[in-house]
Amino acid sequence: VHLFPRSGVVKEPMHFVIGIADILAEQQEKQQRKQKCNQCDLLLAENQAQKYQIEKLQRENNKLQEECKERELELLRVSQQMSELKRLRVLNPEQYLQWTADEVVEWMLTLDGGA
C-alpha cells in the first residue's frame, strides 16, 4: 500500500505492509462490535419495556390494595349490622334451649320492661 500526503509535493511514498488476515480480522472485529451494539440496543429496549410493565403492575397493585381496603371496611360494616340485627331479633321462647348466654340475658332484660 502506498500512502501519499494530501497536499504538497510527494518526496517519497510511505510503504506499509498490511496482510489480508489483518484486514479480515479488523472487519470481523468491527462486525462483532456492531453485533454487540445491536445486542445492547435490544437489551435496552427490553429493559425499558420491563420498566413500563413494572410501573403498570405497581399501579394495578395499588388499585387492588385500595379496593381490598374498601372491601374490608364494607365487610366490617356488614358484620356490625349483622351483630346488631342478631341482638335486636325477637327471641322465640319455644327455642330457649338453643339460646346463648347473651340471648338469655337479652330475654331477661325484656321482662318487666328491662327494669
PDB file of N, CA and C in Angstrom:
ATOM      1  N   VAL A   1       0.861  -1.158   0.000  1.00  0.00           N
ATOM      2  CA  VAL A   1       0.000   0.000   0.000  1.00  0.00           C
ATOM      3  C   VAL A   1       0.903   1.215   0.000  1.00  0.00           C
ATOM      4  N   HIS A   2       0.630   2.169  -0.829  1.00  0.00           N
ATOM      5  CA  HIS A   2       1.365   3.425  -0.878  1.00  0.00           C
ATOM      6  C   HIS A   2       0.494   4.524  -0.302  1.00  0.00           C
ATOM      7  N   LEU A   3       1.054   5.301   0.590  1.00  0.00           N
ATOM      8  CA  LEU A   3       0.332   6.432   1.166  1.00  0.00           C
ATOM      9  C   LEU A   3       1.074   7.706   0.786  1.00  0.00           C
ATOM     10  N   PHE A   4       0.324   8.701   0.351  1.00  0.00           N
ATOM     11  CA  PHE A   4       0.887   9.990  -0.042  1.00  0.00           C
ATOM     12  C   PHE A   4       0.240  11.075   0.803  1.00  0.00           C
ATOM     13  N   PRO A   5       0.967  12.137   1.048  1.00  0.00           N
ATOM     14  CA  PRO A   5       0.360  13.246   1.792  1.00  0.00           C
ATOM     15  C   PRO A   5      -0.764  13.872   0.965  1.00  0.00           C
ATOM     16  N   ARG A   6      -1.728  14.477   1.632  1.00  0.00           N
ATOM     17  CA  ARG A   6      -2.884  15.068   0.949  1.00  0.00           C
ATOM     18  C   ARG A   6      -2.495  16.304   0.152  1.00  0.00           C
ATOM     19  N   SER A   7      -1.576  17.022   0.626  1.00  0.00           N
ATOM     20  CA  SER A   7      -1.191  18.229  -0.108  1.00  0.00           C
ATOM     21  C   SER A   7       0.335  18.302  -0.187  1.00  0.00           C
ATOM     22  N   GLY A   8       0.759  19.090  -1.039  1.00  0.00           N
ATOM     23  CA  GLY A   8       2.194  19.278  -1.158  1.00  0.00           C
ATOM     24  C   GLY A   8       2.818  18.325  -2.159  1.00  0.00           C
ATOM     25  N   VAL A   9       4.096  18.455  -2.236  1.00  0.00           N
ATOM     26  CA  VAL A   9       4.866  17.667  -3.201  1.00  0.00           C
ATOM     27  C   VAL A   9       5.219  16.336  -2.574  1.00  0.00           C
ATOM     28  N   VAL A  10       5.130  15.318  -3.378  1.00  0.00           N
ATOM     29  CA  VAL A  10       5.457  13.975  -2.915  1.00  0.00           C
ATOM     30  C   VAL A  10       6.959  13.797  -3.026  1.00  0.00           C
ATOM     31  N   LYS A  11       7.603  13.624  -1.893  1.00  0.00           N
ATOM     32  CA  LYS A  11       9.047  13.380  -1.921  1.00  0.00           C
ATOM     33  C   LYS A  11       9.287  11.899  -2.073  1.00  0.00           C
ATOM     34  N   GLU A  12       8.745  11.197  -1.100  1.00  0.00           N
ATOM     35  CA  GLU A  12       8.868   9.744  -1.151  1.00  0.00           C
ATOM     36  C   GLU A  12       7.583   9.128  -0.653  1.00  0.00           C
ATOM     37  N   PRO A  13       7.078   8.133  -1.343  1.00  0.00           N
ATOM     38  CA  PRO A  13       5.886   7.466  -0.824  1.00  0.00           C
ATOM     39  C   PRO A  13       6.246   6.644   0.407  1.00  0.00           C
ATOM     40  N   MET A  14       5.271   6.557   1.332  1.00  0.00           N
ATOM     41  CA  MET A  14       5.466   5.727   2.514  1.00  0.00           C
ATOM     42  C   MET A  14       4.928   4.342   2.199  1.00  0.00           C
ATOM     43  N   HIS A  15       5.646   3.371   2.628  1.00  0.00           N
ATOM     44  CA  HIS A  15       5.239   1.997   2.356  1.00  0.00           C
ATOM     45  C   HIS A  15       4.797   1.314   3.651  1.00  0.00           C
ATOM     46  N   PHE A  16       3.634   0.671   3.544  1.00  0.00           N
ATOM     47  CA  PHE A  16       3.120  -0.123   4.663  1.00  0.00           C
ATOM     48  C   PHE A  16       2.740  -1.477   4.129  1.00  0.00           C
ATOM     49  N   VAL A  17       2.923  -2.462   4.963  1.00  0.00           N
ATOM     50  CA  VAL A  17       2.525  -3.808   4.573  1.00  0.00           C
ATOM     51  C   VAL A  17       1.351  -4.203   5.459  1.00  0.00           C
ATOM     52  N   ILE A  18       0.225  -4.502   4.820  1.00  0.00           N
ATOM     53  CA  ILE A  18      -0.973  -4.945   5.541  1.00  0.00           C
ATOM     54  C   ILE A  18      -1.385  -6.261   4.913  1.00  0.00           C
ATOM     55  N   GLY A  19      -1.483  -7.237   5.732  1.00  0.00           N
ATOM     56  CA  GLY A  19      -1.874  -8.550   5.234  1.00  0.00           C
ATOM     57  C   GLY A  19      -3.386  -8.691   5.150  1.00  0.00           C
ATOM     58  N   ILE A  20      -3.833  -9.577   4.313  1.00  0.00           N
ATOM     59  CA  ILE A  20      -5.255  -9.871   4.166  1.00  0.00           C
ATOM     60  C   ILE A  20      -5.825 -10.352   5.495  1.00  0.00           C
ATOM     61  N   ALA A  21      -5.044 -11.131   6.223  1.00  0.00           N
ATOM     62  CA  ALA A  21      -5.505 -11.645   7.520  1.00  0.00           C
ATOM     63  C   ALA A  21      -5.784 -10.493   8.469  1.00  0.00           C
ATOM     64  N   ASP A  22      -4.953  -9.437   8.430  1.00  0.00           N
ATOM     65  CA  ASP A  22      -5.168  -8.270   9.285  1.00  0.00           C
ATOM     66  C   ASP A  22      -6.457  -7.547   8.899  1.00  0.00           C
ATOM     67  N   ILE A  23      -6.689  -7.405   7.605  1.00  0.00           N
ATOM     68  CA  ILE A  23      -7.900  -6.739   7.130  1.00  0.00           C
ATOM     69  C   ILE A  23      -9.136  -7.549   7.521  1.00  0.00           C
ATOM     70  N   LEU A  24      -9.074  -8.855   7.327  1.00  0.00           N
ATOM     71  CA  LEU A  24     -10.213  -9.718   7.694  1.00  0.00           C
ATOM     72  C   LEU A  24     -10.467  -9.692   9.199  1.00  0.00           C
ATOM     73  N   ALA A  25      -9.383  -9.689   9.979  1.00  0.00           N
ATOM     74  CA  ALA A  25      -9.536  -9.650  11.437  1.00  0.00           C
ATOM     75  C   ALA A  25     -10.176  -8.334  11.869  1.00  0.00           C
ATOM     76  N   GLU A  26      -9.767  -7.248  11.232  1.00  0.00           N
ATOM     77  CA  GLU A  26     -10.337  -5.947  11.555  1.00  0.00           C
ATOM     78  C   GLU A  26     -11.817  -5.892  11.183  1.00  0.00           C
ATOM     79  N   GLN A  27     -12.164  -6.434  10.029  1.00  0.00           N
ATOM     80  CA  GLN A  27     -13.566  -6.468   9.613  1.00  0.00           C
ATOM     81  C   GLN A  27     -14.402  -7.332  10.552  1.00  0.00           C
ATOM     82  N   GLN A  28     -13.817  -8.447  10.967  1.00  0.00           N
ATOM     83  CA  GLN A  28     -14.528  -9.330  11.891  1.00  0.00           C
ATOM     84  C   GLN A  28     -14.735  -8.627  13.234  1.00  0.00           C
ATOM     85  N   GLU A  29     -13.716  -7.911  13.679  1.00  0.00           N
ATOM     86  CA  GLU A  29     -13.826  -7.177  14.937  1.00  0.00           C
ATOM     87  C   GLU A  29     -14.904  -6.097  14.842  1.00  0.00           C
ATOM     88  N   LYS A  30     -14.957  -5.387  13.713  1.00  0.00           N
ATOM     89  CA  LYS A  30     -15.998  -4.375  13.511  1.00  0.00           C
ATOM     90  C   LYS A  30     -17.375  -5.018  13.526  1.00  0.00           C
ATOM     91  N   GLN A  31     -17.494  -6.155  12.870  1.00  0.00           N
ATOM     92  CA  GLN A  31     -18.778  -6.865  12.829  1.00  0.00           C
ATOM     93  C   GLN A  31     -19.198  -7.298  14.232  1.00  0.00           C
ATOM     94  N   GLN A  32     -18.236  -7.773  15.033  1.00  0.00           N
ATOM     95  CA  GLN A  32     -18.538  -8.190  16.404  1.00  0.00           C
ATOM     96  C   GLN A  32     -18.980  -6.991  17.248  1.00  0.00           C
ATOM     97  N   ARG A  33     -18.307  -5.847  17.080  1.00  0.00           N
ATOM     98  CA  ARG A  33     -18.699  -4.641  17.809  1.00  0.00           C
ATOM     99  C   ARG A  33     -20.104  -4.202  17.404  1.00  0.00           C
ATOM    100  N   LYS A  34     -20.406  -4.307  16.117  1.00  0.00           N
ATOM    101  CA  LYS A  34     -21.731  -3.943  15.638  1.00  0.00           C
ATOM    102  C   LYS A  34     -22.793  -4.875  16.236  1.00  0.00           C
ATOM    103  N   GLN A  35     -22.487  -6.174  16.295  1.00  0.00           N
ATOM    104  CA  GLN A  35     -23.423  -7.134  16.885  1.00  0.00           C
ATOM    105  C   GLN A  35     -23.634  -6.832  18.368  1.00  0.00           C
ATOM    106  N   LYS A  36     -22.545  -6.485  19.065  1.00  0.00           N
ATOM    107  CA  LYS A  36     -22.670  -6.157  20.488  1.00  0.00           C
ATOM    108  C   LYS A  36     -23.514  -4.906  20.668  1.00  0.00           C
ATOM    109  N   CYS A  37     -23.337  -3.925  19.790  1.00  0.00           N
ATOM    110  CA  CYS A  37     -24.158  -2.712  19.860  1.00  0.00           C
ATOM    111  C   CYS A  37     -25.627  -3.050  19.633  1.00  0.00           C
ATOM    112  N   ASN A  38     -25.881  -3.910  18.665  1.00  0.00           N
ATOM    113  CA  ASN A  38     -27.261  -4.332  18.402  1.00  0.00           C
ATOM    114  C   ASN A  38     -27.846  -5.067  19.600  1.00  0.00           C
ATOM    115  N   GLN A  39     -27.033  -5.932  20.219  1.00  0.00           N
ATOM    116  CA  GLN A  39     -27.498  -6.656  21.405  1.00  0.00           C
ATOM    117  C   GLN A  39     -27.788  -5.675  22.535  1.00  0.00           C
ATOM    118  N   CYS A  40     -26.911  -4.682  22.686  1.00  0.00           N
ATOM    119  CA  CYS A  40     -27.131  -3.671  23.731  1.00  0.00           C
ATOM    120  C   CYS A  40     -28.419  -2.898  23.475  1.00  0.00           C
ATOM    121  N   ASP A  41     -28.653  -2.538  22.229  1.00  0.00           N
ATOM    122  CA  ASP A  41     -29.879  -1.827  21.881  1.00  0.00           C
ATOM    123  C   ASP A  41     -31.109  -2.677  22.193  1.00  0.00           C
ATOM    124  N   LEU A  42     -31.023  -3.964  21.856  1.00  0.00           N
ATOM    125  CA  LEU A  42     -32.149  -4.863  22.156  1.00  0.00           C
ATOM    126  C   LEU A  42     -32.372  -4.986  23.659  1.00  0.00           C
ATOM    127  N   LEU A  43     -31.280  -5.108  24.406  1.00  0.00           N
ATOM    128  CA  LEU A  43     -31.397  -5.224  25.864  1.00  0.00           C
ATOM    129  C   LEU A  43     -31.955  -3.943  26.478  1.00  0.00           C
ATOM    130  N   LEU A  44     -31.529  -2.809  25.953  1.00  0.00           N
ATOM    131  CA  LEU A  44     -32.061  -1.545  26.458  1.00  0.00           C
ATOM    132  C   LEU A  44     -33.557  -1.427  26.175  1.00  0.00           C
ATOM    133  N   ALA A  45     -33.963  -1.822  24.987  1.00  0.00           N
ATOM    134  CA  ALA A  45     -35.386  -1.784  24.646  1.00  0.00           C
ATOM    135  C   ALA A  45     -36.178  -2.744  25.527  1.00  0.00           C
ATOM    136  N   GLU A  46     -35.634  -3.933  25.752  1.00  0.00           N
ATOM    137  CA  GLU A  46     -36.303  -4.911  26.612  1.00  0.00           C
ATOM    138  C   GLU A  46     -36.382  -4.393  28.043  1.00  0.00           C
ATOM    139  N   ASN A  47     -35.308  -3.766  28.494  1.00  0.00           N
ATOM    140  CA  ASN A  47     -35.272  -3.195  29.834  1.00  0.00           C
ATOM    141  C   ASN A  47     -36.337  -2.108  29.984  1.00  0.00           C
ATOM    142  N   GLN A  48     -36.469  -1.253  28.983  1.00  0.00           N
ATOM    143  CA  GLN A  48     -37.463  -0.195  29.017  1.00  0.00           C
ATOM    144  C   GLN A  48     -38.872  -0.782  29.044  1.00  0.00           C
ATOM    145  N   ALA A  49     -39.088  -1.824  28.252  1.00  0.00           N
ATOM    146  CA  ALA A  49     -40.400  -2.474  28.238  1.00  0.00           C
ATOM    147  C   ALA A  49     -40.706  -3.094  29.601  1.00  0.00           C
ATOM    148  N   GLN A  50     -39.711  -3.687  30.238  1.00  0.00           N
ATOM    149  CA  GLN A  50     -39.916  -4.292  31.555  1.00  0.00           C
ATOM    150  C   GLN A  50     -40.184  -3.219  32.608  1.00  0.00           C
ATOM    151  N   LYS A  51     -39.497  -2.081  32.503  1.00  0.00           N
ATOM    152  CA  LYS A  51     -39.762  -0.982  33.439  1.00  0.00           C
ATOM    153  C   LYS A  51     -41.200  -0.508  33.301  1.00  0.00           C
ATOM    154  N   TYR A  52     -41.661  -0.387  32.059  1.00  0.00           N
ATOM    155  CA  TYR A  52     -43.039   0.023  31.823  1.00  0.00           C
ATOM    156  C   TYR A  52     -44.005  -1.000  32.422  1.00  0.00           C
ATOM    157  N   GLN A  53     -43.711  -2.273  32.226  1.00  0.00           N
ATOM    158  CA  GLN A  53     -44.567  -3.341  32.757  1.00  0.00           C
ATOM    159  C   GLN A  53     -44.588  -3.302  34.281  1.00  0.00           C
ATOM    160  N   ILE A  54     -43.441  -3.054  34.890  1.00  0.00           N
ATOM    161  CA  ILE A  54     -43.362  -2.974  36.356  1.00  0.00           C
ATOM    162  C   ILE A  54     -44.204  -1.809  36.859  1.00  0.00           C
ATOM    163  N   GLU A  55     -44.076  -0.657  36.212  1.00  0.00           N
ATOM    164  CA  GLU A  55     -44.863   0.507  36.616  1.00  0.00           C
ATOM    165  C   GLU A  55     -46.357   0.226  36.478  1.00  0.00           C
ATOM    166  N   LYS A  56     -46.729  -0.421  35.381  1.00  0.00           N
ATOM    167  CA  LYS A  56     -48.139  -0.762  35.151  1.00  0.00           C
ATOM    168  C   LYS A  56     -48.638  -1.702  36.252  1.00  0.00           C
ATOM    169  N   LEU A  57     -47.840  -2.718  36.575  1.00  0.00           N
ATOM    170  CA  LEU A  57     -48.244  -3.672  37.614  1.00  0.00           C
ATOM    171  C   LEU A  57     -48.293  -3.013  38.988  1.00  0.00           C
ATOM    172  N   GLN A  58     -47.383  -2.069  39.243  1.00  0.00           N
ATOM    173  CA  GLN A  58     -47.420  -1.362  40.525  1.00  0.00           C
ATOM    174  C   GLN A  58     -48.693  -0.527  40.645  1.00  0.00           C
ATOM    175  N   ARG A  59     -49.079   0.143  39.539  1.00  0.00           N
ATOM    176  CA  ARG A  59     -50.326   0.917  39.570  1.00  0.00           C
ATOM    177  C   ARG A  59     -51.517  -0.006  39.795  1.00  0.00           C
ATOM    178  N   GLU A  60     -51.515  -1.139  39.118  1.00  0.00           N
ATOM    179  CA  GLU A  60     -52.612  -2.103  39.286  1.00  0.00           C
ATOM    180  C   GLU A  60     -52.647  -2.651  40.706  1.00  0.00           C
ATOM    181  N   ASN A  61     -51.473  -2.932  41.262  1.00  0.00           N
ATOM    182  CA  ASN A  61     -51.382  -3.438  42.633  1.00  0.00           C
ATOM    183  C   ASN A  61     -51.918  -2.404  43.625  1.00  0.00           C
ATOM    184  N   ASN A  62     -51.546  -1.132  43.423  1.00  0.00           N
ATOM    185  CA  ASN A  62     -52.044  -0.080  44.311  1.00  0.00           C
ATOM    186  C   ASN A  62     -53.562   0.016  44.237  1.00  0.00           C
ATOM    187  N   LYS A  63     -54.093  -0.079  43.023  1.00  0.00           N
ATOM    188  CA  LYS A  63     -55.541  -0.019  42.839  1.00  0.00           C
ATOM    189  C   LYS A  63     -56.223  -1.193  43.548  1.00  0.00           C
ATOM    190  N   LEU A  64     -55.652  -2.386  43.404  1.00  0.00           N
ATOM    191  CA  LEU A  64     -56.239  -3.570  44.045  1.00  0.00           C
ATOM    192  C   LEU A  64     -56.141  -3.487  45.563  1.00  0.00           C
ATOM    193  N   GLN A  65     -55.053  -2.930  46.070  1.00  0.00           N
ATOM    194  CA  GLN A  65     -54.925  -2.766  47.522  1.00  0.00           C
ATOM    195  C   GLN A  65     -55.987  -1.805  48.046  1.00  0.00           C
ATOM    196  N   GLU A  66     -56.229  -0.744  47.288  1.00  0.00           N
ATOM    197  CA  GLU A  66     -57.265   0.215  47.687  1.00  0.00           C
ATOM    198  C   GLU A  66     -58.637  -0.452  47.672  1.00  0.00           C
ATOM    199  N   GLU A  67     -58.919  -1.236  46.640  1.00  0.00           N
ATOM    200  CA  GLU A  67     -60.188  -1.959  46.572  1.00  0.00           C
ATOM    201  C   GLU A  67     -60.319  -2.934  47.738  1.00  0.00           C
ATOM    202  N   CYS A  68     -59.219  -3.586  48.085  1.00  0.00           N
ATOM    203  CA  CYS A  68     -59.231  -4.542  49.205  1.00  0.00           C
ATOM    204  C   CYS A  68     -59.559  -3.824  50.516  1.00  0.00           C
ATOM    205  N   LYS A  69     -58.964  -2.647  50.724  1.00  0.00           N
ATOM    206  CA  LYS A  69     -59.269  -1.869  51.935  1.00  0.00           C
ATOM    207  C   LYS A  69     -60.749  -1.502  51.970  1.00  0.00           C
ATOM    208  N   GLU A  70     -61.280  -1.090  50.817  1.00  0.00           N
ATOM    209  CA  GLU A  70     -62.700  -0.743  50.752  1.00  0.00           C
ATOM    210  C   GLU A  70     -63.567  -1.952  51.077  1.00  0.00           C
ATOM    211  N   ARG A  71     -63.196  -3.108  50.549  1.00  0.00           N
ATOM    212  CA  ARG A  71     -63.965  -4.339  50.818  1.00  0.00           C
ATOM    213  C   ARG A  71     -63.895  -4.707  52.308  1.00  0.00           C
ATOM    214  N   GLU A  72     -62.721  -4.529  52.898  1.00  0.00           N
ATOM    215  CA  GLU A  72     -62.578  -4.836  54.325  1.00  0.00           C
ATOM    216  C   GLU A  72     -63.464  -3.918  55.169  1.00  0.00           C
ATOM    217  N   LEU A  73     -63.516  -2.642  54.800  1.00  0.00           N
ATOM    218  CA  LEU A  73     -64.386  -1.714  55.528  1.00  0.00           C
ATOM    219  C   LEU A  73     -65.855  -2.090  55.357  1.00  0.00           C
ATOM    220  N   GLU A  74     -66.216  -2.464  54.134  1.00  0.00           N
ATOM    221  CA  GLU A  74     -67.596  -2.888  53.877  1.00  0.00           C
ATOM    222  C   GLU A  74     -67.925  -4.145  54.678  1.00  0.00           C
ATOM    223  N   LEU A  75     -66.998  -5.081  54.722  1.00  0.00           N
ATOM    224  CA  LEU A  75     -67.204  -6.306  55.496  1.00  0.00           C
ATOM    225  C   LEU A  75     -67.373  -5.977  56.977  1.00  0.00           C
ATOM    226  N   LEU A  76     -66.586  -5.052  57.480  1.00  0.00           N
ATOM    227  CA  LEU A  76     -66.706  -4.651  58.880  1.00  0.00           C
ATOM    228  C   LEU A  76     -68.076  -4.032  59.138  1.00  0.00           C
ATOM    229  N   ARG A  77     -68.538  -3.161  58.228  1.00  0.00           N
ATOM    230  CA  ARG A  77     -69.868  -2.552  58.389  1.00  0.00           C
ATOM    231  C   ARG A  77     -70.967  -3.613  58.367  1.00  0.00           C
ATOM    232  N   VAL A  78     -70.881  -4.539  57.448  1.00  0.00           N
ATOM    233  CA  VAL A  78     -71.896  -5.594  57.347  1.00  0.00           C
ATOM    234  C   VAL A  78     -71.865  -6.473  58.599  1.00  0.00           C
ATOM    235  N   SER A  79     -70.681  -6.787  59.090  1.00  0.00           N
ATOM    236  CA  SER A  79     -70.568  -7.607  60.309  1.00  0.00           C
ATOM    237  C   SER A  79     -71.198  -6.896  61.497  1.00  0.00           C
ATOM    238  N   GLN A  80     -70.965  -5.590  61.577  1.00  0.00           N
ATOM    239  CA  GLN A  80     -71.563  -4.824  62.674  1.00  0.00           C
ATOM    240  C   GLN A  80     -73.086  -4.799  62.549  1.00  0.00           C
ATOM    241  N   GLN A  81     -73.577  -4.649  61.324  1.00  0.00           N
ATOM    242  CA  GLN A  81     -75.022  -4.667  61.105  1.00  0.00           C
ATOM    243  C   GLN A  81     -75.608  -6.028  61.471  1.00  0.00           C
ATOM    244  N   MET A  82     -74.914  -7.099  61.103  1.00  0.00           N
ATOM    245  CA  MET A  82     -75.381  -8.445  61.438  1.00  0.00           C
ATOM    246  C   MET A  82     -75.442  -8.620  62.951  1.00  0.00           C
ATOM    247  N   SER A  83     -74.425  -8.149  63.645  1.00  0.00           N
ATOM    248  CA  SER A  83     -74.415  -8.268  65.107  1.00  0.00           C
ATOM    249  C   SER A  83     -75.594  -7.509  65.705  1.00  0.00           C
ATOM    250  N   GLU A  84     -75.826  -6.308  65.164  1.00  0.00           N
ATOM    251  CA  GLU A  84     -76.946  -5.503  65.659  1.00  0.00           C
ATOM    252  C   GLU A  84     -78.280  -6.180  65.377  1.00  0.00           C
ATOM    253  N   LEU A  85     -78.431  -6.737  64.200  1.00  0.00           N
ATOM    254  CA  LEU A  85     -79.683  -7.422  63.857  1.00  0.00           C
ATOM    255  C   LEU A  85     -79.889  -8.661  64.721  1.00  0.00           C
ATOM    256  N   LYS A  86     -78.816  -9.373  64.976  1.00  0.00           N
ATOM    257  CA  LYS A  86     -78.950 -10.547  65.847  1.00  0.00           C
ATOM    258  C   LYS A  86     -79.376 -10.127  67.239  1.00  0.00           C
ATOM    259  N   ARG A  87     -78.816  -9.017  67.687  1.00  0.00           N
ATOM    260  CA  ARG A  87     -79.142  -8.548  69.030  1.00  0.00           C
ATOM    261  C   ARG A  87     -80.596  -8.092  69.118  1.00  0.00           C
ATOM    262  N   LEU A  88     -81.095  -7.502  68.037  1.00  0.00           N
ATOM    263  CA  LEU A  88     -82.444  -6.952  68.049  1.00  0.00           C
ATOM    264  C   LEU A  88     -83.523  -7.950  67.670  1.00  0.00           C
ATOM    265  N   ARG A  89     -83.139  -9.095  67.182  1.00  0.00           N
ATOM    266  CA  ARG A  89     -84.169 -10.033  66.732  1.00  0.00           C
ATOM    267  C   ARG A  89     -84.993 -10.525  67.918  1.00  0.00           C
ATOM    268  N   VAL A  90     -86.173 -10.900  67.610  1.00  0.00           N
ATOM    269  CA  VAL A  90     -87.099 -11.372  68.642  1.00  0.00           C
ATOM    270  C   VAL A  90     -86.744 -12.814  68.995  1.00  0.00           C
ATOM    271  N   LEU A  91     -86.551 -13.034  70.263  1.00  0.00           N
ATOM    272  CA  LEU A  91     -86.213 -14.379  70.716  1.00  0.00           C
ATOM    273  C   LEU A  91     -87.482 -15.222  70.829  1.00  0.00           C
ATOM    274  N   ASN A  92     -87.403 -16.413  70.326  1.00  0.00           N
ATOM    275  CA  ASN A  92     -88.537 -17.336  70.388  1.00  0.00           C
ATOM    276  C   ASN A  92     -88.401 -18.160  71.677  1.00  0.00           C
ATOM    277  N   PRO A  93     -89.301 -17.921  72.632  1.00  0.00           N
ATOM    278  CA  PRO A  93     -89.208 -18.645  73.908  1.00  0.00           C
ATOM    279  C   PRO A  93     -89.308 -20.159  73.759  1.00  0.00           C
ATOM    280  N   GLU A  94     -89.915 -20.625  72.677  1.00  0.00           N
ATOM    281  CA  GLU A  94     -90.028 -22.069  72.485  1.00  0.00           C
ATOM    282  C   GLU A  94     -88.675 -22.699  72.171  1.00  0.00           C
ATOM    283  N   GLN A  95     -87.707 -21.883  71.774  1.00  0.00           N
ATOM    284  CA  GLN A  95     -86.390 -22.418  71.433  1.00  0.00           C
ATOM    285  C   GLN A  95     -85.332 -21.992  72.457  1.00  0.00           C
ATOM    286  N   TYR A  96     -85.765 -21.818  73.692  1.00  0.00           N
ATOM    287  CA  TYR A  96     -84.855 -21.312  74.722  1.00  0.00           C
ATOM    288  C   TYR A  96     -83.665 -22.239  74.980  1.00  0.00           C
ATOM    289  N   LEU A  97     -83.817 -23.525  74.663  1.00  0.00           N
ATOM    290  CA  LEU A  97     -82.703 -24.445  74.879  1.00  0.00           C
ATOM    291  C   LEU A  97     -81.545 -24.176  73.907  1.00  0.00           C
ATOM    292  N   GLN A  98     -81.828 -23.500  72.822  1.00  0.00           N
ATOM    293  CA  GLN A  98     -80.799 -23.207  71.822  1.00  0.00           C
ATOM    294  C   GLN A  98     -80.179 -21.818  72.017  1.00  0.00           C
ATOM    295  N   TRP A  99     -80.668 -21.075  72.996  1.00  0.00           N
ATOM    296  CA  TRP A  99     -80.172 -19.718  73.223  1.00  0.00           C
ATOM    297  C   TRP A  99     -78.751 -19.743  73.763  1.00  0.00           C
ATOM    298  N   THR A 100     -78.039 -18.682  73.433  1.00  0.00           N
ATOM    299  CA  THR A 100     -76.710 -18.487  74.028  1.00  0.00           C
ATOM    300  C   THR A 100     -76.882 -17.725  75.327  1.00  0.00           C
ATOM    301  N   ALA A 101     -75.818 -17.617  76.088  1.00  0.00           N
ATOM    302  CA  ALA A 101     -75.889 -16.889  77.359  1.00  0.00           C
ATOM    303  C   ALA A 101     -76.284 -15.434  77.119  1.00  0.00           C
ATOM    304  N   ASP A 102     -75.765 -14.825  76.068  1.00  0.00           N
ATOM    305  CA  ASP A 102     -76.122 -13.438  75.756  1.00  0.00           C
ATOM    306  C   ASP A 102     -77.608 -13.312  75.421  1.00  0.00           C
ATOM    307  N   GLU A 103     -78.149 -14.297  74.730  1.00  0.00           N
ATOM    308  CA  GLU A 103     -79.565 -14.262  74.371  1.00  0.00           C
ATOM    309  C   GLU A 103     -80.443 -14.420  75.614  1.00  0.00           C
ATOM    310  N   VAL A 104     -79.997 -15.225  76.559  1.00  0.00           N
ATOM    311  CA  VAL A 104     -80.746 -15.376  77.819  1.00  0.00           C
ATOM    312  C   VAL A 104     -80.759 -14.040  78.555  1.00  0.00           C
ATOM    313  N   VAL A 105     -79.615 -13.363  78.578  1.00  0.00           N
ATOM    314  CA  VAL A 105     -79.532 -12.051  79.238  1.00  0.00           C
ATOM    315  C   VAL A 105     -80.452 -11.059  78.538  1.00  0.00           C
ATOM    316  N   GLU A 106     -80.435 -11.065  77.194  1.00  0.00           N
ATOM    317  CA  GLU A 106     -81.322 -10.169  76.446  1.00  0.00           C
ATOM    318  C   GLU A 106     -82.787 -10.454  76.770  1.00  0.00           C
ATOM    319  N   TRP A 107     -83.143 -11.721  76.857  1.00  0.00           N
ATOM    320  CA  TRP A 107     -84.523 -12.089  77.177  1.00  0.00           C
ATOM    321  C   TRP A 107     -84.889 -11.589  78.577  1.00  0.00           C
ATOM    322  N   MET A 108     -83.961 -11.766  79.502  1.00  0.00           N
ATOM    323  CA  MET A 108     -84.210 -11.325  80.879  1.00  0.00           C
ATOM    324  C   MET A 108     -84.405  -9.813  80.944  1.00  0.00           C
ATOM    325  N   LEU A 109     -83.681  -9.072  80.088  1.00  0.00           N
ATOM    326  CA  LEU A 109     -83.822  -7.620  80.061  1.00  0.00           C
ATOM    327  C   LEU A 109     -85.183  -7.187  79.511  1.00  0.00           C
ATOM    328  N   THR A 110     -85.784  -8.028  78.702  1.00  0.00           N
ATOM    329  CA  THR A 110     -87.111  -7.680  78.156  1.00  0.00           C
ATOM    330  C   THR A 110     -88.233  -7.900  79.161  1.00  0.00           C
ATOM    331  N   LEU A 111     -87.973  -8.671  80.204  1.00  0.00           N
ATOM    332  CA  LEU A 111     -89.004  -8.922  81.204  1.00  0.00           C
ATOM    333  C   LEU A 111     -89.225  -7.657  82.018  1.00  0.00           C
ATOM    334  N   ASP A 112     -90.421  -7.369  82.297  1.00  0.00           N
ATOM    335  CA  ASP A 112     -90.820  -6.195  83.082  1.00  0.00           C
ATOM    336  C   ASP A 112     -90.243  -4.900  82.507  1.00  0.00           C
ATOM    337  N   GLY A 113     -90.130  -4.823  81.185  1.00  0.00           N
ATOM    338  CA  GLY A 113     -89.698  -3.583  80.540  1.00  0.00           C
ATOM    339  C   GLY A 113     -88.213  -3.298  80.726  1.00  0.00           C
ATOM    340  N   GLY A 114     -87.426  -4.308  81.076  1.00  0.00           N
ATOM    341  CA  GLY A 114     -85.983  -4.119  81.216  1.00  0.00           C
ATOM    342  C   GLY A 114     -85.588  -3.469  82.514  1.00  0.00           C
ATOM    343  N   ALA A 115     -86.507  -3.384  83.497  1.00  0.00           N
ATOM    344  CA  ALA A 115     -86.211  -2.714  84.751  1.00  0.00           C
ATOM    345  C   ALA A 115     -85.552  -3.607  85.741  1.00  0.00           C
TER     346      ALA A 115
END
